[in-house]
Amino acid sequence: MTVQEIMAQLEALGSAKVRELNVRNDAPENHFGVKMGDIRTIAKAIRSNHTLGMELWQTGNADAMILATLVIKPKLLSSAELQQMVQSITYAQLADTLITNVVKLYPDKEALRLQWMETEHAMLARAAWSLTTERVCKNPFGLEIAALLDRIESELASAPPATQWTMNFCLGEIGINFPEHRDRAIKIGEAVGLYKDWPLSKGCIPPYVPVWVPAIVNK
Protein backbone atom coordinates (compact mmCIF):
# COMPACT_ATOMS: atom_id res chain seq x y z
CA MET A 1 0.00 0.00 0.00
CA THR A 2 1.11 3.53 -0.74
CA VAL A 3 0.60 6.58 1.47
CA GLN A 4 -1.97 7.86 -1.00
CA GLU A 5 -3.95 4.62 -0.85
CA ILE A 6 -3.87 4.58 2.94
CA MET A 7 -4.94 8.22 3.20
CA ALA A 8 -7.88 7.48 0.89
CA GLN A 9 -8.81 4.50 3.06
CA LEU A 10 -8.63 6.60 6.23
CA GLU A 11 -10.75 9.33 4.68
CA ALA A 12 -13.38 6.77 3.66
CA LEU A 13 -13.49 5.41 7.22
CA GLY A 14 -13.77 8.85 8.79
CA SER A 15 -16.84 9.76 10.80
CA ALA A 16 -18.13 13.31 11.23
CA LYS A 17 -19.41 12.39 14.70
CA VAL A 18 -16.05 10.96 15.80
CA ARG A 19 -14.25 13.93 14.30
CA GLU A 20 -16.46 16.40 16.14
CA LEU A 21 -15.87 14.57 19.43
CA ASN A 22 -12.11 14.47 18.85
CA VAL A 23 -11.97 18.19 18.05
CA ARG A 24 -13.77 18.91 21.33
CA ASN A 25 -10.98 16.91 22.99
CA ASP A 26 -8.30 19.12 21.42
CA ALA A 27 -7.65 17.05 18.29
CA PRO A 28 -6.20 19.09 15.41
CA GLU A 29 -8.44 20.00 12.50
CA ASN A 30 -6.31 17.85 10.19
CA HIS A 31 -7.86 14.45 10.75
CA PHE A 32 -10.77 12.38 9.44
CA GLY A 33 -12.24 11.00 12.67
CA VAL A 34 -11.33 7.35 12.20
CA LYS A 35 -12.15 4.96 15.03
CA MET A 36 -9.15 3.42 16.77
CA GLY A 37 -10.36 -0.08 15.94
CA ASP A 38 -10.33 0.73 12.22
CA ILE A 39 -6.83 2.20 12.49
CA ARG A 40 -5.64 -0.99 14.18
CA THR A 41 -7.18 -3.08 11.39
CA ILE A 42 -5.22 -1.12 8.78
CA ALA A 43 -2.04 -1.45 10.85
CA LYS A 44 -2.53 -5.21 11.04
CA ALA A 45 -2.72 -5.37 7.25
CA ILE A 46 0.42 -3.23 6.85
CA ARG A 47 2.35 -5.01 9.62
CA SER A 48 5.75 -3.46 10.35
CA ASN A 49 6.91 -0.94 7.73
CA HIS A 50 9.21 1.76 9.04
CA THR A 51 9.55 3.75 5.83
CA LEU A 52 5.82 3.81 5.23
CA GLY A 53 5.21 4.67 8.88
CA MET A 54 7.52 7.67 8.73
CA GLU A 55 5.82 8.85 5.54
CA LEU A 56 2.45 8.60 7.28
CA TRP A 57 3.82 10.57 10.22
CA GLN A 58 4.99 13.34 7.91
CA THR A 59 1.47 13.85 6.52
CA GLY A 60 0.52 15.80 9.63
CA ASN A 61 -2.89 14.06 9.63
CA ALA A 62 -3.65 12.85 13.16
CA ASP A 63 -5.29 9.59 12.03
CA ALA A 64 -2.32 8.79 9.79
CA MET A 65 0.12 9.70 12.57
CA ILE A 66 -1.64 7.39 15.03
CA LEU A 67 -1.43 4.65 12.40
CA ALA A 68 2.26 5.44 11.96
CA THR A 69 2.96 4.68 15.62
CA LEU A 70 1.67 1.14 15.04
CA VAL A 71 3.89 0.30 12.05
CA ILE A 72 7.21 2.11 12.50
CA LYS A 73 10.18 0.33 14.07
CA PRO A 74 11.37 2.18 17.20
CA LYS A 75 14.89 0.76 17.00
CA LEU A 76 15.42 2.45 13.62
CA LEU A 77 14.83 5.92 15.05
CA SER A 78 17.63 8.10 16.37
CA SER A 79 17.08 9.69 19.76
CA ALA A 80 16.95 13.10 18.04
CA GLU A 81 14.24 11.89 15.66
CA LEU A 82 12.19 10.46 18.50
CA GLN A 83 12.52 13.61 20.57
CA GLN A 84 11.40 15.73 17.62
CA MET A 85 8.37 13.48 17.16
CA VAL A 86 7.34 13.83 20.80
CA GLN A 87 7.94 17.59 20.78
CA SER A 88 5.81 18.12 17.69
CA ILE A 89 2.59 16.76 19.25
CA THR A 90 -0.19 18.85 20.77
CA TYR A 91 -2.93 16.17 20.84
CA ALA A 92 -3.06 13.92 23.94
CA GLN A 93 -4.33 10.76 22.20
CA LEU A 94 -1.56 10.95 19.62
CA ALA A 95 1.01 11.64 22.34
CA ASP A 96 -0.05 8.59 24.31
CA THR A 97 -0.14 6.24 21.33
CA LEU A 98 3.36 7.40 20.41
CA ILE A 99 4.56 6.88 23.98
CA THR A 100 2.96 3.43 24.23
CA ASN A 101 3.88 2.07 20.82
CA VAL A 102 7.22 3.75 20.14
CA VAL A 103 8.83 5.52 23.10
CA LYS A 104 8.34 2.61 25.53
CA LEU A 105 9.83 0.21 22.96
CA TYR A 106 12.84 2.40 22.20
CA PRO A 107 16.11 0.62 23.11
CA ASP A 108 17.63 3.62 24.91
CA LYS A 109 14.44 4.87 26.57
CA GLU A 110 16.03 5.16 30.02
CA ALA A 111 18.52 7.74 28.77
CA LEU A 112 15.66 9.70 27.25
CA ARG A 113 13.63 9.38 30.45
CA LEU A 114 16.45 10.90 32.51
CA GLN A 115 16.96 13.68 29.97
CA TRP A 116 13.28 14.51 29.61
CA MET A 117 12.67 14.52 33.36
CA GLU A 118 14.66 17.77 33.39
CA THR A 119 12.83 19.49 30.53
CA GLU A 120 10.21 22.23 30.65
CA HIS A 121 8.60 21.00 27.41
CA ALA A 122 5.14 19.71 28.39
CA MET A 123 4.99 16.76 25.98
CA LEU A 124 8.54 15.61 26.63
CA ALA A 125 7.77 15.77 30.35
CA ARG A 126 4.53 13.84 29.75
CA ALA A 127 6.58 11.08 28.10
CA ALA A 128 9.21 11.19 30.86
CA TRP A 129 6.65 10.72 33.62
CA SER A 130 4.98 7.93 31.65
CA LEU A 131 8.34 6.16 31.40
CA THR A 132 8.90 6.76 35.11
CA THR A 133 5.51 5.25 35.89
CA GLU A 134 6.54 2.19 33.87
CA ARG A 135 9.69 1.94 35.99
CA VAL A 136 7.63 2.28 39.19
CA CYS A 137 5.39 -0.60 38.12
CA LYS A 138 7.87 -2.94 36.45
CA ASN A 139 11.45 -2.10 37.39
CA PRO A 140 11.71 0.21 40.42
CA PHE A 141 15.24 -0.84 41.38
CA GLY A 142 17.39 2.28 41.54
CA LEU A 143 14.50 4.73 41.65
CA GLU A 144 14.43 7.12 44.60
CA ILE A 145 10.72 6.93 45.38
CA ALA A 146 10.81 9.54 48.16
CA ALA A 147 12.56 11.98 45.82
CA LEU A 148 9.94 11.35 43.13
CA LEU A 149 7.23 12.15 45.67
CA ASP A 150 9.09 15.34 46.60
CA ARG A 151 9.04 16.43 42.97
CA ILE A 152 5.41 15.52 42.47
CA GLU A 153 4.42 17.35 45.64
CA SER A 154 6.19 20.53 44.56
CA GLU A 155 5.40 20.45 40.82
CA LEU A 156 2.08 18.68 40.20
CA ALA A 157 -0.27 21.57 40.94
CA SER A 158 1.56 24.01 38.65
CA ALA A 159 2.60 21.61 35.86
CA PRO A 160 1.07 22.02 32.37
CA PRO A 161 -2.07 19.88 31.92
CA ALA A 162 -0.26 17.61 29.45
CA THR A 163 2.37 16.84 32.09
CA GLN A 164 -0.06 16.65 35.01
CA TRP A 165 -1.78 13.64 33.47
CA THR A 166 1.18 11.25 33.57
CA MET A 167 2.67 12.78 36.72
CA ASN A 168 -0.62 12.06 38.49
CA PHE A 169 -0.53 8.46 37.24
CA CYS A 170 3.00 8.11 38.60
CA LEU A 171 1.74 9.35 41.97
CA GLY A 172 -1.08 6.82 41.91
CA GLU A 173 1.15 3.90 40.97
CA ILE A 174 3.58 4.80 43.76
CA GLY A 175 0.67 4.67 46.19
CA ILE A 176 -0.48 1.32 44.79
CA ASN A 177 2.92 -0.38 44.54
CA PHE A 178 4.69 1.00 47.63
CA PRO A 179 2.66 0.56 50.85
CA GLU A 180 5.27 2.49 52.83
CA HIS A 181 4.62 5.56 50.67
CA ARG A 182 0.87 5.08 50.26
CA ASP A 183 -0.33 7.55 52.89
CA ARG A 184 1.93 10.28 51.57
CA ALA A 185 0.82 9.69 47.98
CA ILE A 186 -2.82 9.95 49.02
CA LYS A 187 -2.15 13.13 51.02
CA ILE A 188 -0.44 14.72 48.03
CA GLY A 189 -3.42 13.78 45.88
CA GLU A 190 -5.80 15.31 48.42
CA ALA A 191 -3.79 18.52 48.64
CA VAL A 192 -3.68 19.01 44.88
CA GLY A 193 -7.24 17.80 44.23
CA LEU A 194 -6.44 16.92 40.63
CA TYR A 195 -9.29 15.11 38.78
CA LYS A 196 -11.46 15.13 41.91
CA ASP A 197 -14.56 15.91 39.84
CA TRP A 198 -13.57 13.80 36.82
CA PRO A 199 -16.70 12.67 34.89
CA LEU A 200 -17.03 8.89 34.88
CA SER A 201 -19.11 6.13 33.43
CA LYS A 202 -20.77 3.87 36.00
CA GLY A 203 -18.35 1.41 37.58
CA CYS A 204 -15.19 3.24 36.50
CA ILE A 205 -12.48 4.32 38.95
CA PRO A 206 -11.53 8.02 38.74
CA PRO A 207 -7.92 9.12 38.30
CA TYR A 208 -8.28 11.07 41.57
CA VAL A 209 -5.50 9.48 43.63
CA PRO A 210 -7.27 9.41 47.05
CA VAL A 211 -10.07 7.35 45.47
CA TRP A 212 -8.11 5.44 42.85
CA VAL A 213 -5.35 4.05 45.06
CA PRO A 214 -7.59 2.52 47.79
CA ALA A 215 -9.94 1.16 45.14
CA ILE A 216 -7.14 -0.77 43.44
CA VAL A 217 -5.41 -1.86 46.65
CA ASN A 218 -8.65 -3.16 48.17
CA LYS A 219 -9.74 -5.16 45.11
C-alpha atoms as a PDB file:
ATOM      1  CA  MET A   1       0.000   0.000   0.000  1.00  0.00           C
ATOM      2  CA  THR A   2       1.106   3.532  -0.737  1.00  0.00           C
ATOM      3  CA  VAL A   3       0.602   6.576   1.468  1.00  0.00           C
ATOM      4  CA  GLN A   4      -1.974   7.865  -1.000  1.00  0.00           C
ATOM      5  CA  GLU A   5      -3.953   4.622  -0.847  1.00  0.00           C
ATOM      6  CA  ILE A   6      -3.870   4.583   2.941  1.00  0.00           C
ATOM      7  CA  MET A   7      -4.941   8.223   3.201  1.00  0.00           C
ATOM      8  CA  ALA A   8      -7.879   7.482   0.888  1.00  0.00           C
ATOM      9  CA  GLN A   9      -8.805   4.501   3.064  1.00  0.00           C
ATOM     10  CA  LEU A  10      -8.628   6.595   6.232  1.00  0.00           C
ATOM     11  CA  GLU A  11     -10.748   9.328   4.681  1.00  0.00           C
ATOM     12  CA  ALA A  12     -13.381   6.771   3.661  1.00  0.00           C
ATOM     13  CA  LEU A  13     -13.487   5.408   7.216  1.00  0.00           C
ATOM     14  CA  GLY A  14     -13.765   8.852   8.786  1.00  0.00           C
ATOM     15  CA  SER A  15     -16.842   9.764  10.797  1.00  0.00           C
ATOM     16  CA  ALA A  16     -18.125  13.306  11.229  1.00  0.00           C
ATOM     17  CA  LYS A  17     -19.408  12.389  14.701  1.00  0.00           C
ATOM     18  CA  VAL A  18     -16.053  10.956  15.798  1.00  0.00           C
ATOM     19  CA  ARG A  19     -14.249  13.933  14.296  1.00  0.00           C
ATOM     20  CA  GLU A  20     -16.461  16.397  16.142  1.00  0.00           C
ATOM     21  CA  LEU A  21     -15.875  14.570  19.429  1.00  0.00           C
ATOM     22  CA  ASN A  22     -12.115  14.473  18.845  1.00  0.00           C
ATOM     23  CA  VAL A  23     -11.969  18.195  18.054  1.00  0.00           C
ATOM     24  CA  ARG A  24     -13.771  18.911  21.329  1.00  0.00           C
ATOM     25  CA  ASN A  25     -10.981  16.908  22.986  1.00  0.00           C
ATOM     26  CA  ASP A  26      -8.304  19.125  21.415  1.00  0.00           C
ATOM     27  CA  ALA A  27      -7.646  17.050  18.288  1.00  0.00           C
ATOM     28  CA  PRO A  28      -6.195  19.093  15.413  1.00  0.00           C
ATOM     29  CA  GLU A  29      -8.441  20.005  12.499  1.00  0.00           C
ATOM     30  CA  ASN A  30      -6.313  17.851  10.185  1.00  0.00           C
ATOM     31  CA  HIS A  31      -7.859  14.449  10.750  1.00  0.00           C
ATOM     32  CA  PHE A  32     -10.771  12.376   9.438  1.00  0.00           C
ATOM     33  CA  GLY A  33     -12.244  11.003  12.671  1.00  0.00           C
ATOM     34  CA  VAL A  34     -11.332   7.346  12.197  1.00  0.00           C
ATOM     35  CA  LYS A  35     -12.155   4.963  15.032  1.00  0.00           C
ATOM     36  CA  MET A  36      -9.151   3.424  16.772  1.00  0.00           C
ATOM     37  CA  GLY A  37     -10.355  -0.081  15.939  1.00  0.00           C
ATOM     38  CA  ASP A  38     -10.327   0.727  12.223  1.00  0.00           C
ATOM     39  CA  ILE A  39      -6.833   2.196  12.495  1.00  0.00           C
ATOM     40  CA  ARG A  40      -5.635  -0.991  14.180  1.00  0.00           C
ATOM     41  CA  THR A  41      -7.177  -3.079  11.392  1.00  0.00           C
ATOM     42  CA  ILE A  42      -5.222  -1.120   8.781  1.00  0.00           C
ATOM     43  CA  ALA A  43      -2.042  -1.453  10.846  1.00  0.00           C
ATOM     44  CA  LYS A  44      -2.531  -5.211  11.045  1.00  0.00           C
ATOM     45  CA  ALA A  45      -2.718  -5.370   7.251  1.00  0.00           C
ATOM     46  CA  ILE A  46       0.420  -3.233   6.853  1.00  0.00           C
ATOM     47  CA  ARG A  47       2.345  -5.015   9.625  1.00  0.00           C
ATOM     48  CA  SER A  48       5.747  -3.457  10.348  1.00  0.00           C
ATOM     49  CA  ASN A  49       6.906  -0.935   7.729  1.00  0.00           C
ATOM     50  CA  HIS A  50       9.207   1.762   9.045  1.00  0.00           C
ATOM     51  CA  THR A  51       9.551   3.748   5.832  1.00  0.00           C
ATOM     52  CA  LEU A  52       5.817   3.814   5.232  1.00  0.00           C
ATOM     53  CA  GLY A  53       5.208   4.673   8.879  1.00  0.00           C
ATOM     54  CA  MET A  54       7.516   7.673   8.731  1.00  0.00           C
ATOM     55  CA  GLU A  55       5.816   8.848   5.537  1.00  0.00           C
ATOM     56  CA  LEU A  56       2.449   8.602   7.284  1.00  0.00           C
ATOM     57  CA  TRP A  57       3.818  10.569  10.223  1.00  0.00           C
ATOM     58  CA  GLN A  58       4.993  13.335   7.912  1.00  0.00           C
ATOM     59  CA  THR A  59       1.474  13.854   6.517  1.00  0.00           C
ATOM     60  CA  GLY A  60       0.516  15.796   9.633  1.00  0.00           C
ATOM     61  CA  ASN A  61      -2.886  14.063   9.628  1.00  0.00           C
ATOM     62  CA  ALA A  62      -3.655  12.847  13.163  1.00  0.00           C
ATOM     63  CA  ASP A  63      -5.293   9.591  12.027  1.00  0.00           C
ATOM     64  CA  ALA A  64      -2.318   8.793   9.791  1.00  0.00           C
ATOM     65  CA  MET A  65       0.121   9.701  12.575  1.00  0.00           C
ATOM     66  CA  ILE A  66      -1.635   7.393  15.027  1.00  0.00           C
ATOM     67  CA  LEU A  67      -1.430   4.645  12.396  1.00  0.00           C
ATOM     68  CA  ALA A  68       2.262   5.442  11.957  1.00  0.00           C
ATOM     69  CA  THR A  69       2.959   4.676  15.623  1.00  0.00           C
ATOM     70  CA  LEU A  70       1.670   1.138  15.035  1.00  0.00           C
ATOM     71  CA  VAL A  71       3.890   0.303  12.050  1.00  0.00           C
ATOM     72  CA  ILE A  72       7.207   2.106  12.496  1.00  0.00           C
ATOM     73  CA  LYS A  73      10.184   0.334  14.073  1.00  0.00           C
ATOM     74  CA  PRO A  74      11.369   2.180  17.203  1.00  0.00           C
ATOM     75  CA  LYS A  75      14.894   0.764  17.001  1.00  0.00           C
ATOM     76  CA  LEU A  76      15.422   2.449  13.623  1.00  0.00           C
ATOM     77  CA  LEU A  77      14.833   5.924  15.050  1.00  0.00           C
ATOM     78  CA  SER A  78      17.625   8.100  16.368  1.00  0.00           C
ATOM     79  CA  SER A  79      17.079   9.694  19.759  1.00  0.00           C
ATOM     80  CA  ALA A  80      16.951  13.101  18.043  1.00  0.00           C
ATOM     81  CA  GLU A  81      14.241  11.890  15.664  1.00  0.00           C
ATOM     82  CA  LEU A  82      12.189  10.458  18.497  1.00  0.00           C
ATOM     83  CA  GLN A  83      12.516  13.613  20.565  1.00  0.00           C
ATOM     84  CA  GLN A  84      11.396  15.726  17.619  1.00  0.00           C
ATOM     85  CA  MET A  85       8.369  13.481  17.161  1.00  0.00           C
ATOM     86  CA  VAL A  86       7.344  13.832  20.798  1.00  0.00           C
ATOM     87  CA  GLN A  87       7.935  17.593  20.784  1.00  0.00           C
ATOM     88  CA  SER A  88       5.815  18.119  17.691  1.00  0.00           C
ATOM     89  CA  ILE A  89       2.594  16.757  19.254  1.00  0.00           C
ATOM     90  CA  THR A  90      -0.195  18.852  20.765  1.00  0.00           C
ATOM     91  CA  TYR A  91      -2.927  16.167  20.838  1.00  0.00           C
ATOM     92  CA  ALA A  92      -3.055  13.923  23.936  1.00  0.00           C
ATOM     93  CA  GLN A  93      -4.334  10.764  22.202  1.00  0.00           C
ATOM     94  CA  LEU A  94      -1.563  10.950  19.623  1.00  0.00           C
ATOM     95  CA  ALA A  95       1.010  11.640  22.339  1.00  0.00           C
ATOM     96  CA  ASP A  96      -0.051   8.593  24.310  1.00  0.00           C
ATOM     97  CA  THR A  97      -0.138   6.239  21.332  1.00  0.00           C
ATOM     98  CA  LEU A  98       3.364   7.400  20.406  1.00  0.00           C
ATOM     99  CA  ILE A  99       4.559   6.879  23.984  1.00  0.00           C
ATOM    100  CA  THR A 100       2.959   3.425  24.234  1.00  0.00           C
ATOM    101  CA  ASN A 101       3.876   2.073  20.815  1.00  0.00           C
ATOM    102  CA  VAL A 102       7.218   3.748  20.138  1.00  0.00           C
ATOM    103  CA  VAL A 103       8.825   5.521  23.105  1.00  0.00           C
ATOM    104  CA  LYS A 104       8.338   2.613  25.525  1.00  0.00           C
ATOM    105  CA  LEU A 105       9.828   0.214  22.960  1.00  0.00           C
ATOM    106  CA  TYR A 106      12.838   2.404  22.199  1.00  0.00           C
ATOM    107  CA  PRO A 107      16.107   0.616  23.112  1.00  0.00           C
ATOM    108  CA  ASP A 108      17.625   3.622  24.913  1.00  0.00           C
ATOM    109  CA  LYS A 109      14.441   4.868  26.572  1.00  0.00           C
ATOM    110  CA  GLU A 110      16.032   5.157  30.020  1.00  0.00           C
ATOM    111  CA  ALA A 111      18.522   7.742  28.773  1.00  0.00           C
ATOM    112  CA  LEU A 112      15.656   9.699  27.249  1.00  0.00           C
ATOM    113  CA  ARG A 113      13.632   9.379  30.454  1.00  0.00           C
ATOM    114  CA  LEU A 114      16.447  10.904  32.508  1.00  0.00           C
ATOM    115  CA  GLN A 115      16.957  13.681  29.971  1.00  0.00           C
ATOM    116  CA  TRP A 116      13.277  14.507  29.610  1.00  0.00           C
ATOM    117  CA  MET A 117      12.669  14.520  33.362  1.00  0.00           C
ATOM    118  CA  GLU A 118      14.664  17.769  33.393  1.00  0.00           C
ATOM    119  CA  THR A 119      12.834  19.494  30.527  1.00  0.00           C
ATOM    120  CA  GLU A 120      10.205  22.228  30.651  1.00  0.00           C
ATOM    121  CA  HIS A 121       8.597  21.002  27.412  1.00  0.00           C
ATOM    122  CA  ALA A 122       5.139  19.708  28.386  1.00  0.00           C
ATOM    123  CA  MET A 123       4.985  16.760  25.977  1.00  0.00           C
ATOM    124  CA  LEU A 124       8.544  15.607  26.635  1.00  0.00           C
ATOM    125  CA  ALA A 125       7.771  15.772  30.352  1.00  0.00           C
ATOM    126  CA  ARG A 126       4.530  13.838  29.745  1.00  0.00           C
ATOM    127  CA  ALA A 127       6.582  11.085  28.098  1.00  0.00           C
ATOM    128  CA  ALA A 128       9.207  11.191  30.855  1.00  0.00           C
ATOM    129  CA  TRP A 129       6.650  10.723  33.620  1.00  0.00           C
ATOM    130  CA  SER A 130       4.983   7.932  31.646  1.00  0.00           C
ATOM    131  CA  LEU A 131       8.345   6.161  31.403  1.00  0.00           C
ATOM    132  CA  THR A 132       8.898   6.761  35.113  1.00  0.00           C
ATOM    133  CA  THR A 133       5.506   5.246  35.889  1.00  0.00           C
ATOM    134  CA  GLU A 134       6.538   2.191  33.869  1.00  0.00           C
ATOM    135  CA  ARG A 135       9.687   1.942  35.994  1.00  0.00           C
ATOM    136  CA  VAL A 136       7.635   2.283  39.193  1.00  0.00           C
ATOM    137  CA  CYS A 137       5.394  -0.596  38.124  1.00  0.00           C
ATOM    138  CA  LYS A 138       7.873  -2.939  36.447  1.00  0.00           C
ATOM    139  CA  ASN A 139      11.452  -2.103  37.391  1.00  0.00           C
ATOM    140  CA  PRO A 140      11.712   0.212  40.418  1.00  0.00           C
ATOM    141  CA  PHE A 141      15.236  -0.844  41.381  1.00  0.00           C
ATOM    142  CA  GLY A 142      17.389   2.279  41.538  1.00  0.00           C
ATOM    143  CA  LEU A 143      14.499   4.730  41.651  1.00  0.00           C
ATOM    144  CA  GLU A 144      14.426   7.117  44.601  1.00  0.00           C
ATOM    145  CA  ILE A 145      10.720   6.935  45.384  1.00  0.00           C
ATOM    146  CA  ALA A 146      10.811   9.537  48.156  1.00  0.00           C
ATOM    147  CA  ALA A 147      12.562  11.979  45.823  1.00  0.00           C
ATOM    148  CA  LEU A 148       9.936  11.355  43.125  1.00  0.00           C
ATOM    149  CA  LEU A 149       7.231  12.146  45.666  1.00  0.00           C
ATOM    150  CA  ASP A 150       9.085  15.337  46.599  1.00  0.00           C
ATOM    151  CA  ARG A 151       9.039  16.432  42.967  1.00  0.00           C
ATOM    152  CA  ILE A 152       5.410  15.515  42.467  1.00  0.00           C
ATOM    153  CA  GLU A 153       4.417  17.348  45.642  1.00  0.00           C
ATOM    154  CA  SER A 154       6.188  20.535  44.560  1.00  0.00           C
ATOM    155  CA  GLU A 155       5.398  20.450  40.824  1.00  0.00           C
ATOM    156  CA  LEU A 156       2.079  18.684  40.202  1.00  0.00           C
ATOM    157  CA  ALA A 157      -0.269  21.574  40.938  1.00  0.00           C
ATOM    158  CA  SER A 158       1.557  24.012  38.652  1.00  0.00           C
ATOM    159  CA  ALA A 159       2.601  21.612  35.856  1.00  0.00           C
ATOM    160  CA  PRO A 160       1.071  22.017  32.375  1.00  0.00           C
ATOM    161  CA  PRO A 161      -2.069  19.875  31.923  1.00  0.00           C
ATOM    162  CA  ALA A 162      -0.258  17.611  29.447  1.00  0.00           C
ATOM    163  CA  THR A 163       2.374  16.843  32.087  1.00  0.00           C
ATOM    164  CA  GLN A 164      -0.062  16.652  35.010  1.00  0.00           C
ATOM    165  CA  TRP A 165      -1.784  13.637  33.474  1.00  0.00           C
ATOM    166  CA  THR A 166       1.181  11.254  33.574  1.00  0.00           C
ATOM    167  CA  MET A 167       2.670  12.782  36.724  1.00  0.00           C
ATOM    168  CA  ASN A 168      -0.623  12.061  38.492  1.00  0.00           C
ATOM    169  CA  PHE A 169      -0.527   8.455  37.243  1.00  0.00           C
ATOM    170  CA  CYS A 170       2.995   8.113  38.601  1.00  0.00           C
ATOM    171  CA  LEU A 171       1.743   9.351  41.974  1.00  0.00           C
ATOM    172  CA  GLY A 172      -1.078   6.818  41.913  1.00  0.00           C
ATOM    173  CA  GLU A 173       1.148   3.903  40.972  1.00  0.00           C
ATOM    174  CA  ILE A 174       3.577   4.799  43.758  1.00  0.00           C
ATOM    175  CA  GLY A 175       0.666   4.668  46.185  1.00  0.00           C
ATOM    176  CA  ILE A 176      -0.479   1.322  44.786  1.00  0.00           C
ATOM    177  CA  ASN A 177       2.917  -0.377  44.543  1.00  0.00           C
ATOM    178  CA  PHE A 178       4.689   0.998  47.630  1.00  0.00           C
ATOM    179  CA  PRO A 179       2.662   0.564  50.846  1.00  0.00           C
ATOM    180  CA  GLU A 180       5.268   2.487  52.833  1.00  0.00           C
ATOM    181  CA  HIS A 181       4.621   5.564  50.668  1.00  0.00           C
ATOM    182  CA  ARG A 182       0.868   5.082  50.258  1.00  0.00           C
ATOM    183  CA  ASP A 183      -0.327   7.548  52.890  1.00  0.00           C
ATOM    184  CA  ARG A 184       1.926  10.279  51.572  1.00  0.00           C
ATOM    185  CA  ALA A 185       0.820   9.690  47.976  1.00  0.00           C
ATOM    186  CA  ILE A 186      -2.823   9.947  49.021  1.00  0.00           C
ATOM    187  CA  LYS A 187      -2.153  13.130  51.024  1.00  0.00           C
ATOM    188  CA  ILE A 188      -0.444  14.715  48.025  1.00  0.00           C
ATOM    189  CA  GLY A 189      -3.417  13.781  45.878  1.00  0.00           C
ATOM    190  CA  GLU A 190      -5.803  15.309  48.424  1.00  0.00           C
ATOM    191  CA  ALA A 191      -3.791  18.525  48.636  1.00  0.00           C
ATOM    192  CA  VAL A 192      -3.675  19.008  44.880  1.00  0.00           C
ATOM    193  CA  GLY A 193      -7.237  17.801  44.227  1.00  0.00           C
ATOM    194  CA  LEU A 194      -6.441  16.921  40.632  1.00  0.00           C
ATOM    195  CA  TYR A 195      -9.288  15.110  38.782  1.00  0.00           C
ATOM    196  CA  LYS A 196     -11.462  15.133  41.914  1.00  0.00           C
ATOM    197  CA  ASP A 197     -14.558  15.912  39.842  1.00  0.00           C
ATOM    198  CA  TRP A 198     -13.569  13.800  36.816  1.00  0.00           C
ATOM    199  CA  PRO A 199     -16.699  12.673  34.890  1.00  0.00           C
ATOM    200  CA  LEU A 200     -17.034   8.892  34.882  1.00  0.00           C
ATOM    201  CA  SER A 201     -19.115   6.126  33.435  1.00  0.00           C
ATOM    202  CA  LYS A 202     -20.772   3.869  35.997  1.00  0.00           C
ATOM    203  CA  GLY A 203     -18.354   1.411  37.581  1.00  0.00           C
ATOM    204  CA  CYS A 204     -15.191   3.237  36.503  1.00  0.00           C
ATOM    205  CA  ILE A 205     -12.481   4.321  38.947  1.00  0.00           C
ATOM    206  CA  PRO A 206     -11.534   8.019  38.737  1.00  0.00           C
ATOM    207  CA  PRO A 207      -7.918   9.120  38.301  1.00  0.00           C
ATOM    208  CA  TYR A 208      -8.276  11.071  41.571  1.00  0.00           C
ATOM    209  CA  VAL A 209      -5.503   9.477  43.627  1.00  0.00           C
ATOM    210  CA  PRO A 210      -7.267   9.414  47.052  1.00  0.00           C
ATOM    211  CA  VAL A 211     -10.074   7.346  45.473  1.00  0.00           C
ATOM    212  CA  TRP A 212      -8.110   5.442  42.851  1.00  0.00           C
ATOM    213  CA  VAL A 213      -5.345   4.052  45.060  1.00  0.00           C
ATOM    214  CA  PRO A 214      -7.587   2.519  47.794  1.00  0.00           C
ATOM    215  CA  ALA A 215      -9.939   1.157  45.137  1.00  0.00           C
ATOM    216  CA  ILE A 216      -7.138  -0.767  43.438  1.00  0.00           C
ATOM    217  CA  VAL A 217      -5.415  -1.861  46.649  1.00  0.00           C
ATOM    218  CA  ASN A 218      -8.651  -3.165  48.169  1.00  0.00           C
ATOM    219  CA  LYS A 219      -9.743  -5.160  45.111  1.00  0.00           C
END
